[in-house]
PDB file of N, CA and C in Angstrom:
ATOM      1  N   MET A   1     -16.034 -11.648   0.723  1.00  0.00           N
ATOM      2  CA  MET A   1     -16.218 -11.336  -0.671  1.00  0.00           C
ATOM      3  C   MET A   1     -16.227  -9.815  -0.902  1.00  0.00           C
ATOM      4  N   TYR A   2     -16.980  -9.104  -0.069  1.00  0.00           N
ATOM      5  CA  TYR A   2     -17.068  -7.654  -0.244  1.00  0.00           C
ATOM      6  C   TYR A   2     -15.734  -6.968   0.033  1.00  0.00           C
ATOM      7  N   ALA A   3     -14.997  -7.490   0.990  1.00  0.00           N
ATOM      8  CA  ALA A   3     -13.680  -6.923   1.280  1.00  0.00           C
ATOM      9  C   ALA A   3     -12.753  -7.110   0.081  1.00  0.00           C
ATOM     10  N   GLY A   4     -12.847  -8.239  -0.604  1.00  0.00           N
ATOM     11  CA  GLY A   4     -12.037  -8.474  -1.797  1.00  0.00           C
ATOM     12  C   GLY A   4     -12.386  -7.509  -2.925  1.00  0.00           C
ATOM     13  N   ILE A   5     -13.675  -7.261  -3.087  1.00  0.00           N
ATOM     14  CA  ILE A   5     -14.112  -6.287  -4.106  1.00  0.00           C
ATOM     15  C   ILE A   5     -13.576  -4.906  -3.756  1.00  0.00           C
ATOM     16  N   ALA A   6     -13.713  -4.523  -2.491  1.00  0.00           N
ATOM     17  CA  ALA A   6     -13.214  -3.211  -2.052  1.00  0.00           C
ATOM     18  C   ALA A   6     -11.709  -3.122  -2.247  1.00  0.00           C
ATOM     19  N   GLY A   7     -10.977  -4.190  -1.915  1.00  0.00           N
ATOM     20  CA  GLY A   7      -9.525  -4.199  -2.089  1.00  0.00           C
ATOM     21  C   GLY A   7      -9.130  -4.048  -3.545  1.00  0.00           C
ATOM     22  N   GLY A   8      -9.812  -4.769  -4.426  1.00  0.00           N
ATOM     23  CA  GLY A   8      -9.519  -4.658  -5.853  1.00  0.00           C
ATOM     24  C   GLY A   8      -9.805  -3.266  -6.395  1.00  0.00           C
ATOM     25  N   LEU A   9     -10.926  -2.690  -5.985  1.00  0.00           N
ATOM     26  CA  LEU A   9     -11.249  -1.330  -6.421  1.00  0.00           C
ATOM     27  C   LEU A   9     -10.271  -0.309  -5.861  1.00  0.00           C
ATOM     28  N   LEU A  10      -9.835  -0.513  -4.631  1.00  0.00           N
ATOM     29  CA  LEU A  10      -8.840   0.392  -4.046  1.00  0.00           C
ATOM     30  C   LEU A  10      -7.527   0.341  -4.819  1.00  0.00           C
ATOM     31  N   VAL A  11      -7.088  -0.858  -5.179  1.00  0.00           N
ATOM     32  CA  VAL A  11      -5.851  -0.975  -5.958  1.00  0.00           C
ATOM     33  C   VAL A  11      -6.029  -0.324  -7.326  1.00  0.00           C
ATOM     34  N   PHE A  12      -7.159  -0.597  -7.997  1.00  0.00           N
ATOM     35  CA  PHE A  12      -7.415  -0.009  -9.311  1.00  0.00           C
ATOM     36  C   PHE A  12      -7.408   1.515  -9.262  1.00  0.00           C
ATOM     37  N   THR A  13      -8.193   2.072  -8.352  1.00  0.00           N
ATOM     38  CA  THR A  13      -8.274   3.530  -8.290  1.00  0.00           C
ATOM     39  C   THR A  13      -6.991   4.142  -7.735  1.00  0.00           C
ATOM     40  N   GLY A  14      -6.250   3.377  -6.922  1.00  0.00           N
ATOM     41  CA  GLY A  14      -4.952   3.862  -6.446  1.00  0.00           C
ATOM     42  C   GLY A  14      -3.966   4.034  -7.580  1.00  0.00           C
ATOM     43  N   VAL A  15      -3.921   3.049  -8.473  1.00  0.00           N
ATOM     44  CA  VAL A  15      -3.048   3.159  -9.651  1.00  0.00           C
ATOM     45  C   VAL A  15      -3.499   4.322 -10.514  1.00  0.00           C
ATOM     46  N   TRP A  16      -4.807   4.474 -10.685  1.00  0.00           N
ATOM     47  CA  TRP A  16      -5.335   5.568 -11.508  1.00  0.00           C
ATOM     48  C   TRP A  16      -4.990   6.919 -10.891  1.00  0.00           C
ATOM     49  N   HIS A  17      -5.185   7.072  -9.585  1.00  0.00           N
ATOM     50  CA  HIS A  17      -4.823   8.328  -8.915  1.00  0.00           C
ATOM     51  C   HIS A  17      -3.331   8.626  -9.098  1.00  0.00           C
ATOM     52  N   ALA A  18      -2.512   7.601  -8.877  1.00  0.00           N
ATOM     53  CA  ALA A  18      -1.064   7.807  -8.897  1.00  0.00           C
ATOM     54  C   ALA A  18      -0.517   8.103 -10.283  1.00  0.00           C
ATOM     55  N   THR A  19      -1.227   7.699 -11.327  1.00  0.00           N
ATOM     56  CA  THR A  19      -0.734   7.908 -12.694  1.00  0.00           C
ATOM     57  C   THR A  19      -1.518   8.966 -13.470  1.00  0.00           C
ATOM     58  N   GLU A  20      -2.489   9.599 -12.865  1.00  0.00           N
ATOM     59  CA  GLU A  20      -3.301  10.598 -13.573  1.00  0.00           C
ATOM     60  C   GLU A  20      -2.457  11.772 -14.063  1.00  0.00           C
ATOM     61  N   TRP A  21      -1.401  12.112 -13.342  1.00  0.00           N
ATOM     62  CA  TRP A  21      -0.548  13.232 -13.771  1.00  0.00           C
ATOM     63  C   TRP A  21       0.117  12.927 -15.113  1.00  0.00           C
ATOM     64  N   MET A  22       0.349  11.646 -15.428  1.00  0.00           N
ATOM     65  CA  MET A  22       0.941  11.290 -16.726  1.00  0.00           C
ATOM     66  C   MET A  22      -0.078  11.414 -17.851  1.00  0.00           C
ATOM     67  N   MET A  23      -1.344  11.175 -17.533  1.00  0.00           N
ATOM     68  CA  MET A  23      -2.379  11.179 -18.553  1.00  0.00           C
ATOM     69  C   MET A  23      -2.965  12.568 -18.803  1.00  0.00           C
ATOM     70  N   ASP A  24      -3.009  13.396 -17.764  1.00  0.00           N
ATOM     71  CA  ASP A  24      -3.697  14.681 -17.886  1.00  0.00           C
ATOM     72  C   ASP A  24      -2.763  15.874 -17.745  1.00  0.00           C
ATOM     73  N   GLY A  25      -1.483  15.657 -17.661  1.00  0.00           N
ATOM     74  CA  GLY A  25      -0.552  16.771 -17.573  1.00  0.00           C
ATOM     75  C   GLY A  25      -0.053  17.001 -16.170  1.00  0.00           C
ATOM     76  N   ARG A  26       1.094  17.605 -16.095  1.00  0.00           N
ATOM     77  CA  ARG A  26       1.754  17.828 -14.803  1.00  0.00           C
ATOM     78  C   ARG A  26       1.345  19.179 -14.228  1.00  0.00           C
ATOM     79  N   ARG A  27       0.243  19.162 -13.503  1.00  0.00           N
ATOM     80  CA  ARG A  27      -0.232  20.360 -12.820  1.00  0.00           C
ATOM     81  C   ARG A  27      -0.303  20.072 -11.330  1.00  0.00           C
ATOM     82  N   ARG A  28      -0.464  21.110 -10.551  1.00  0.00           N
ATOM     83  CA  ARG A  28      -0.505  20.963  -9.093  1.00  0.00           C
ATOM     84  C   ARG A  28      -1.602  19.988  -8.656  1.00  0.00           C
ATOM     85  N   ASP A  29      -2.783  20.090  -9.255  1.00  0.00           N
ATOM     86  CA  ASP A  29      -3.899  19.238  -8.844  1.00  0.00           C
ATOM     87  C   ASP A  29      -3.663  17.775  -9.200  1.00  0.00           C
ATOM     88  N   THR A  30      -3.050  17.505 -10.348  1.00  0.00           N
ATOM     89  CA  THR A  30      -2.797  16.109 -10.703  1.00  0.00           C
ATOM     90  C   THR A  30      -1.660  15.528  -9.872  1.00  0.00           C
ATOM     91  N   TRP A  31      -0.673  16.351  -9.521  1.00  0.00           N
ATOM     92  CA  TRP A  31       0.404  15.861  -8.653  1.00  0.00           C
ATOM     93  C   TRP A  31      -0.127  15.576  -7.250  1.00  0.00           C
ATOM     94  N   ALA A  32      -1.146  16.292  -6.815  1.00  0.00           N
ATOM     95  CA  ALA A  32      -1.714  16.067  -5.482  1.00  0.00           C
ATOM     96  C   ALA A  32      -2.398  14.711  -5.387  1.00  0.00           C
ATOM     97  N   LEU A  33      -2.738  14.121  -6.514  1.00  0.00           N
ATOM     98  CA  LEU A  33      -3.376  12.806  -6.506  1.00  0.00           C
ATOM     99  C   LEU A  33      -2.397  11.672  -6.223  1.00  0.00           C
ATOM    100  N   VAL A  34      -1.106  11.903  -6.437  1.00  0.00           N
ATOM    101  CA  VAL A  34      -0.108  10.836  -6.287  1.00  0.00           C
ATOM    102  C   VAL A  34      -0.081  10.265  -4.860  1.00  0.00           C
ATOM    103  N   PRO A  35       0.027  11.082  -3.803  1.00  0.00           N
ATOM    104  CA  PRO A  35       0.027  10.488  -2.464  1.00  0.00           C
ATOM    105  C   PRO A  35      -1.287   9.784  -2.126  1.00  0.00           C
ATOM    106  N   VAL A  36      -2.395  10.328  -2.610  1.00  0.00           N
ATOM    107  CA  VAL A  36      -3.691   9.681  -2.387  1.00  0.00           C
ATOM    108  C   VAL A  36      -3.691   8.305  -3.041  1.00  0.00           C
ATOM    109  N   GLY A  37      -3.173   8.236  -4.252  1.00  0.00           N
ATOM    110  CA  GLY A  37      -3.098   6.963  -4.957  1.00  0.00           C
ATOM    111  C   GLY A  37      -2.229   5.950  -4.235  1.00  0.00           C
ATOM    112  N   LEU A  38      -1.117   6.399  -3.685  1.00  0.00           N
ATOM    113  CA  LEU A  38      -0.245   5.487  -2.954  1.00  0.00           C
ATOM    114  C   LEU A  38      -0.918   4.962  -1.687  1.00  0.00           C
ATOM    115  N   VAL A  39      -1.644   5.817  -0.993  1.00  0.00           N
ATOM    116  CA  VAL A  39      -2.381   5.377   0.202  1.00  0.00           C
ATOM    117  C   VAL A  39      -3.449   4.362  -0.189  1.00  0.00           C
ATOM    118  N   TYR A  40      -4.183   4.643  -1.279  1.00  0.00           N
ATOM    119  CA  TYR A  40      -5.213   3.710  -1.750  1.00  0.00           C
ATOM    120  C   TYR A  40      -4.589   2.372  -2.149  1.00  0.00           C
ATOM    121  N   LEU A  41      -3.430   2.416  -2.807  1.00  0.00           N
ATOM    122  CA  LEU A  41      -2.746   1.174  -3.188  1.00  0.00           C
ATOM    123  C   LEU A  41      -2.391   0.329  -1.969  1.00  0.00           C
ATOM    124  N   ILE A  42      -1.801   0.950  -0.987  1.00  0.00           N
ATOM    125  CA  ILE A  42      -1.388   0.225   0.223  1.00  0.00           C
ATOM    126  C   ILE A  42      -2.606  -0.331   0.950  1.00  0.00           C
ATOM    127  N   LEU A  43      -3.633   0.501   1.122  1.00  0.00           N
ATOM    128  CA  LEU A  43      -4.838   0.031   1.808  1.00  0.00           C
ATOM    129  C   LEU A  43      -5.536  -1.065   1.011  1.00  0.00           C
ATOM    130  N   GLY A  44      -5.560  -0.921  -0.310  1.00  0.00           N
ATOM    131  CA  GLY A  44      -6.173  -1.948  -1.146  1.00  0.00           C
ATOM    132  C   GLY A  44      -5.477  -3.281  -1.028  1.00  0.00           C
ATOM    133  N   TYR A  45      -4.160  -3.265  -1.023  1.00  0.00           N
ATOM    134  CA  TYR A  45      -3.398  -4.496  -0.845  1.00  0.00           C
ATOM    135  C   TYR A  45      -3.692  -5.117   0.518  1.00  0.00           C
ATOM    136  N   MET A  46      -3.697  -4.279   1.542  1.00  0.00           N
ATOM    137  CA  MET A  46      -3.929  -4.790   2.897  1.00  0.00           C
ATOM    138  C   MET A  46      -5.342  -5.356   3.050  1.00  0.00           C
ATOM    139  N   VAL A  47      -6.327  -4.701   2.471  1.00  0.00           N
ATOM    140  CA  VAL A  47      -7.705  -5.189   2.554  1.00  0.00           C
ATOM    141  C   VAL A  47      -7.852  -6.485   1.761  1.00  0.00           C
ATOM    142  N   ALA A  48      -7.304  -6.516   0.553  1.00  0.00           N
ATOM    143  CA  ALA A  48      -7.432  -7.712  -0.288  1.00  0.00           C
ATOM    144  C   ALA A  48      -6.729  -8.919   0.319  1.00  0.00           C
ATOM    145  N   MET A  49      -5.614  -8.702   1.003  1.00  0.00           N
ATOM    146  CA  MET A  49      -4.862  -9.803   1.607  1.00  0.00           C
ATOM    147  C   MET A  49      -5.254 -10.064   3.065  1.00  0.00           C
ATOM    148  N   SER A  50      -6.278  -9.371   3.542  1.00  0.00           N
ATOM    149  CA  SER A  50      -6.783  -9.516   4.917  1.00  0.00           C
ATOM    150  C   SER A  50      -5.702  -9.246   5.968  1.00  0.00           C
ATOM    151  N   ILE A  51      -4.870  -8.261   5.693  1.00  0.00           N
ATOM    152  CA  ILE A  51      -3.843  -7.852   6.653  1.00  0.00           C
ATOM    153  C   ILE A  51      -4.460  -6.801   7.581  1.00  0.00           C
ATOM    154  N   GLY A  52      -4.518  -7.100   8.852  1.00  0.00           N
ATOM    155  CA  GLY A  52      -5.063  -6.144   9.812  1.00  0.00           C
ATOM    156  C   GLY A  52      -6.542  -6.319  10.093  1.00  0.00           C
ATOM    157  N   GLY A  53      -7.226  -7.120   9.314  1.00  0.00           N
ATOM    158  CA  GLY A  53      -8.636  -7.421   9.561  1.00  0.00           C
ATOM    159  C   GLY A  53      -9.552  -6.212   9.496  1.00  0.00           C
ATOM    160  N   ALA A  54     -10.468  -6.156  10.464  1.00  0.00           N
ATOM    161  CA  ALA A  54     -11.483  -5.105  10.481  1.00  0.00           C
ATOM    162  C   ALA A  54     -10.877  -3.722  10.690  1.00  0.00           C
ATOM    163  N   ALA A  55      -9.765  -3.643  11.421  1.00  0.00           N
ATOM    164  CA  ALA A  55      -9.137  -2.339  11.665  1.00  0.00           C
ATOM    165  C   ALA A  55      -8.685  -1.706  10.347  1.00  0.00           C
ATOM    166  N   THR A  56      -8.095  -2.517   9.470  1.00  0.00           N
ATOM    167  CA  THR A  56      -7.663  -2.009   8.168  1.00  0.00           C
ATOM    168  C   THR A  56      -8.858  -1.582   7.329  1.00  0.00           C
ATOM    169  N   GLN A  57      -9.932  -2.354   7.391  1.00  0.00           N
ATOM    170  CA  GLN A  57     -11.132  -1.996   6.638  1.00  0.00           C
ATOM    171  C   GLN A  57     -11.733  -0.694   7.137  1.00  0.00           C
ATOM    172  N   ILE A  58     -11.710  -0.484   8.438  1.00  0.00           N
ATOM    173  CA  ILE A  58     -12.239   0.769   8.999  1.00  0.00           C
ATOM    174  C   ILE A  58     -11.364   1.950   8.584  1.00  0.00           C
ATOM    175  N   ILE A  59     -10.053   1.767   8.628  1.00  0.00           N
ATOM    176  CA  ILE A  59      -9.141   2.837   8.185  1.00  0.00           C
ATOM    177  C   ILE A  59      -9.362   3.136   6.699  1.00  0.00           C
ATOM    178  N   ALA A  60      -9.525   2.087   5.899  1.00  0.00           N
ATOM    179  CA  ALA A  60      -9.785   2.285   4.468  1.00  0.00           C
ATOM    180  C   ALA A  60     -11.116   2.997   4.255  1.00  0.00           C
ATOM    181  N   LEU A  61     -12.116   2.636   5.031  1.00  0.00           N
ATOM    182  CA  LEU A  61     -13.425   3.288   4.927  1.00  0.00           C
ATOM    183  C   LEU A  61     -13.318   4.772   5.256  1.00  0.00           C
ATOM    184  N   ILE A  62     -12.576   5.098   6.299  1.00  0.00           N
ATOM    185  CA  ILE A  62     -12.375   6.510   6.658  1.00  0.00           C
ATOM    186  C   ILE A  62     -11.640   7.249   5.549  1.00  0.00           C
ATOM    187  N   ALA A  63     -10.596   6.630   4.994  1.00  0.00           N
ATOM    188  CA  ALA A  63      -9.821   7.268   3.929  1.00  0.00           C
ATOM    189  C   ALA A  63     -10.677   7.496   2.681  1.00  0.00           C
ATOM    190  N   VAL A  64     -11.470   6.503   2.322  1.00  0.00           N
ATOM    191  CA  VAL A  64     -12.285   6.602   1.103  1.00  0.00           C
ATOM    192  C   VAL A  64     -13.405   7.617   1.269  1.00  0.00           C
ATOM    193  N   THR A  65     -14.072   7.607   2.422  1.00  0.00           N
ATOM    194  CA  THR A  65     -15.146   8.581   2.617  1.00  0.00           C
ATOM    195  C   THR A  65     -14.596  10.005   2.698  1.00  0.00           C
ATOM    196  N   THR A  66     -13.427  10.160   3.303  1.00  0.00           N
ATOM    197  CA  THR A  66     -12.794  11.481   3.345  1.00  0.00           C
ATOM    198  C   THR A  66     -12.413  11.937   1.942  1.00  0.00           C
ATOM    199  N   GLY A  67     -11.766  11.061   1.180  1.00  0.00           N
ATOM    200  CA  GLY A  67     -11.368  11.409  -0.182  1.00  0.00           C
ATOM    201  C   GLY A  67     -12.549  11.708  -1.083  1.00  0.00           C
ATOM    202  N   GLY A  68     -13.589  10.893  -0.988  1.00  0.00           N
ATOM    203  CA  GLY A  68     -14.783  11.120  -1.803  1.00  0.00           C
ATOM    204  C   GLY A  68     -15.500  12.410  -1.439  1.00  0.00           C
ATOM    205  N   THR A  69     -15.548  12.707  -0.146  1.00  0.00           N
ATOM    206  CA  THR A  69     -16.199  13.941   0.304  1.00  0.00           C
ATOM    207  C   THR A  69     -15.431  15.169  -0.167  1.00  0.00           C
ATOM    208  N   ILE A  70     -14.117  15.133  -0.033  1.00  0.00           N
ATOM    209  CA  ILE A  70     -13.291  16.256  -0.500  1.00  0.00           C
ATOM    210  C   ILE A  70     -13.436  16.429  -2.010  1.00  0.00           C
ATOM    211  N   ALA A  71     -13.400  15.327  -2.741  1.00  0.00           N
ATOM    212  CA  ALA A  71     -13.540  15.400  -4.200  1.00  0.00           C
ATOM    213  C   ALA A  71     -14.898  15.971  -4.587  1.00  0.00           C
ATOM    214  N   PHE A  72     -15.950  15.566  -3.875  1.00  0.00           N
ATOM    215  CA  PHE A  72     -17.284  16.073  -4.205  1.00  0.00           C
ATOM    216  C   PHE A  72     -17.418  17.554  -3.876  1.00  0.00           C
ATOM    217  N   LYS A  73     -16.927  17.959  -2.720  1.00  0.00           N
ATOM    218  CA  LYS A  73     -17.056  19.361  -2.319  1.00  0.00           C
ATOM    219  C   LYS A  73     -16.236  20.295  -3.204  1.00  0.00           C
ATOM    220  N   ARG A  74     -15.091  19.830  -3.694  1.00  0.00           N
ATOM    221  CA  ARG A  74     -14.203  20.691  -4.471  1.00  0.00           C
ATOM    222  C   ARG A  74     -14.181  20.321  -5.950  1.00  0.00           C
ATOM    223  N   ARG A  75     -15.197  19.615  -6.427  1.00  0.00           N
ATOM    224  CA  ARG A  75     -15.190  19.087  -7.794  1.00  0.00           C
ATOM    225  C   ARG A  75     -15.077  20.161  -8.869  1.00  0.00           C
ATOM    226  N   ASP A  76     -15.553  21.368  -8.597  1.00  0.00           N
ATOM    227  CA  ASP A  76     -15.485  22.437  -9.596  1.00  0.00           C
ATOM    228  C   ASP A  76     -14.212  23.272  -9.462  1.00  0.00           C
ATOM    229  N   GLN A  77     -13.410  23.026  -8.440  1.00  0.00           N
ATOM    230  CA  GLN A  77     -12.203  23.812  -8.215  1.00  0.00           C
ATOM    231  C   GLN A  77     -10.945  23.116  -8.698  1.00  0.00           C
ATOM    232  N   PHE A  78     -11.024  21.806  -8.965  1.00  0.00           N
ATOM    233  CA  PHE A  78      -9.856  21.055  -9.409  1.00  0.00           C
ATOM    234  C   PHE A  78      -9.578  21.272 -10.886  1.00  0.00           C
ATOM    235  N   GLU A  79      -8.307  21.221 -11.248  1.00  0.00           N
ATOM    236  CA  GLU A  79      -7.927  21.270 -12.654  1.00  0.00           C
ATOM    237  C   GLU A  79      -7.718  19.856 -13.171  1.00  0.00           C
ATOM    238  N   ILE A  80      -8.684  19.020 -12.906  1.00  0.00           N
ATOM    239  CA  ILE A  80      -8.676  17.631 -13.359  1.00  0.00           C
ATOM    240  C   ILE A  80      -9.910  17.460 -14.236  1.00  0.00           C
ATOM    241  N   ARG A  81      -9.789  16.610 -15.247  1.00  0.00           N
ATOM    242  CA  ARG A  81     -10.918  16.404 -16.145  1.00  0.00           C
ATOM    243  C   ARG A  81     -12.157  16.020 -15.338  1.00  0.00           C
ATOM    244  N   LYS A  82     -13.300  16.601 -15.710  1.00  0.00           N
ATOM    245  CA  LYS A  82     -14.538  16.422 -14.944  1.00  0.00           C
ATOM    246  C   LYS A  82     -14.964  14.962 -14.877  1.00  0.00           C
ATOM    247  N   TRP A  83     -14.858  14.244 -15.974  1.00  0.00           N
ATOM    248  CA  TRP A  83     -15.289  12.847 -15.962  1.00  0.00           C
ATOM    249  C   TRP A  83     -14.397  12.011 -15.051  1.00  0.00           C
ATOM    250  N   VAL A  84     -13.130  12.384 -14.929  1.00  0.00           N
ATOM    251  CA  VAL A  84     -12.225  11.666 -14.029  1.00  0.00           C
ATOM    252  C   VAL A  84     -12.616  11.935 -12.582  1.00  0.00           C
ATOM    253  N   THR A  85     -12.908  13.196 -12.269  1.00  0.00           N
ATOM    254  CA  THR A  85     -13.322  13.538 -10.906  1.00  0.00           C
ATOM    255  C   THR A  85     -14.587  12.785 -10.526  1.00  0.00           C
ATOM    256  N   TRP A  86     -15.580  12.771 -11.404  1.00  0.00           N
ATOM    257  CA  TRP A  86     -16.827  12.060 -11.115  1.00  0.00           C
ATOM    258  C   TRP A  86     -16.596  10.552 -11.036  1.00  0.00           C
ATOM    259  N   SER A  87     -15.695  10.027 -11.844  1.00  0.00           N
ATOM    260  CA  SER A  87     -15.365   8.599 -11.757  1.00  0.00           C
ATOM    261  C   SER A  87     -14.756   8.268 -10.405  1.00  0.00           C
ATOM    262  N   PHE A  88     -13.840   9.110  -9.942  1.00  0.00           N
ATOM    263  CA  PHE A  88     -13.234   8.900  -8.618  1.00  0.00           C
ATOM    264  C   PHE A  88     -14.307   8.927  -7.527  1.00  0.00           C
ATOM    265  N   ILE A  89     -15.234   9.867  -7.620  1.00  0.00           N
ATOM    266  CA  ILE A  89     -16.289   9.979  -6.616  1.00  0.00           C
ATOM    267  C   ILE A  89     -17.163   8.723  -6.612  1.00  0.00           C
ATOM    268  N   LEU A  90     -17.567   8.271  -7.791  1.00  0.00           N
ATOM    269  CA  LEU A  90     -18.428   7.087  -7.881  1.00  0.00           C
ATOM    270  C   LEU A  90     -17.701   5.821  -7.421  1.00  0.00           C
ATOM    271  N   ILE A  91     -16.441   5.689  -7.788  1.00  0.00           N
ATOM    272  CA  ILE A  91     -15.671   4.520  -7.347  1.00  0.00           C
ATOM    273  C   ILE A  91     -15.477   4.559  -5.833  1.00  0.00           C
ATOM    274  N   ASP A  92     -15.247   5.741  -5.272  1.00  0.00           N
ATOM    275  CA  ASP A  92     -15.137   5.861  -3.813  1.00  0.00           C
ATOM    276  C   ASP A  92     -16.437   5.438  -3.135  1.00  0.00           C
ATOM    277  N   MET A  93     -17.575   5.777  -3.736  1.00  0.00           N
ATOM    278  CA  MET A  93     -18.853   5.355  -3.170  1.00  0.00           C
ATOM    279  C   MET A  93     -18.999   3.832  -3.224  1.00  0.00           C
ATOM    280  N   LEU A  94     -18.596   3.221  -4.318  1.00  0.00           N
ATOM    281  CA  LEU A  94     -18.656   1.760  -4.423  1.00  0.00           C
ATOM    282  C   LEU A  94     -17.728   1.087  -3.415  1.00  0.00           C
ATOM    283  N   ILE A  95     -16.545   1.639  -3.251  1.00  0.00           N
ATOM    284  CA  ILE A  95     -15.600   1.088  -2.274  1.00  0.00           C
ATOM    285  C   ILE A  95     -16.180   1.197  -0.865  1.00  0.00           C
ATOM    286  N   ALA A  96     -16.746   2.357  -0.527  1.00  0.00           N
ATOM    287  CA  ALA A  96     -17.329   2.549   0.806  1.00  0.00           C
ATOM    288  C   ALA A  96     -18.467   1.559   1.033  1.00  0.00           C
ATOM    289  N   LEU A  97     -19.322   1.373   0.039  1.00  0.00           N
ATOM    290  CA  LEU A  97     -20.410   0.412   0.165  1.00  0.00           C
ATOM    291  C   LEU A  97     -19.888  -0.998   0.373  1.00  0.00           C
ATOM    292  N   SER A  98     -18.884  -1.384  -0.400  1.00  0.00           N
ATOM    293  CA  SER A  98     -18.289  -2.725  -0.263  1.00  0.00           C
ATOM    294  C   SER A  98     -17.654  -2.911   1.110  1.00  0.00           C
ATOM    295  N   LEU A  99     -16.973  -1.894   1.589  1.00  0.00           N
ATOM    296  CA  LEU A  99     -16.357  -1.996   2.914  1.00  0.00           C
ATOM    297  C   LEU A  99     -17.399  -2.101   4.019  1.00  0.00           C
ATOM    298  N   ILE A 100     -18.461  -1.329   3.907  1.00  0.00           N
ATOM    299  CA  ILE A 100     -19.530  -1.395   4.908  1.00  0.00           C
ATOM    300  C   ILE A 100     -20.172  -2.781   4.900  1.00  0.00           C
ATOM    301  N   LEU A 101     -20.487  -3.291   3.716  1.00  0.00           N
ATOM    302  CA  LEU A 101     -21.080  -4.625   3.630  1.00  0.00           C
ATOM    303  C   LEU A 101     -20.119  -5.700   4.132  1.00  0.00           C
ATOM    304  N   GLY A 102     -18.829  -5.519   3.870  1.00  0.00           N
ATOM    305  CA  GLY A 102     -17.840  -6.465   4.360  1.00  0.00           C
ATOM    306  C   GLY A 102     -17.719  -6.436   5.872  1.00  0.00           C
ATOM    307  N   LEU A 103     -17.819  -5.250   6.453  1.00  0.00           N
ATOM    308  CA  LEU A 103     -17.733  -5.139   7.914  1.00  0.00           C
ATOM    309  C   LEU A 103     -18.988  -5.687   8.599  1.00  0.00           C
ATOM    310  N   LEU A 104     -20.132  -5.533   7.949  1.00  0.00           N
ATOM    311  CA  LEU A 104     -21.386  -6.017   8.543  1.00  0.00           C
ATOM    312  C   LEU A 104     -21.568  -7.522   8.377  1.00  0.00           C
ATOM    313  N   GLY A 105     -20.938  -8.079   7.318  1.00  0.00           N
ATOM    314  CA  GLY A 105     -21.165  -9.502   7.003  1.00  0.00           C
ATOM    315  C   GLY A 105     -20.303 -10.457   7.668  1.00  0.00           C
TER     316      GLY A 105
END
């Protein structure tokens, strides 16, 4: 169940990352979100469809914690709307929690 929640959130935030440049303007920082969004989309699909099992969940956990940590540390340096940055950070925390609970359960 938790892996499904994490997969759904990964797909949602992956689409949001990949399309943020259309919503907030074409700047270097918004274009940098596109590859992150594509990675989140692929990992979200794999987690939701149980492709790769625990290994995929661990890779997704590493990707999400890395992305969330970078976003938190550089939150004042990005040219991305502040509420979007904080939303990404909070969603990354929820995904990490879901993945951890899924791996433990």
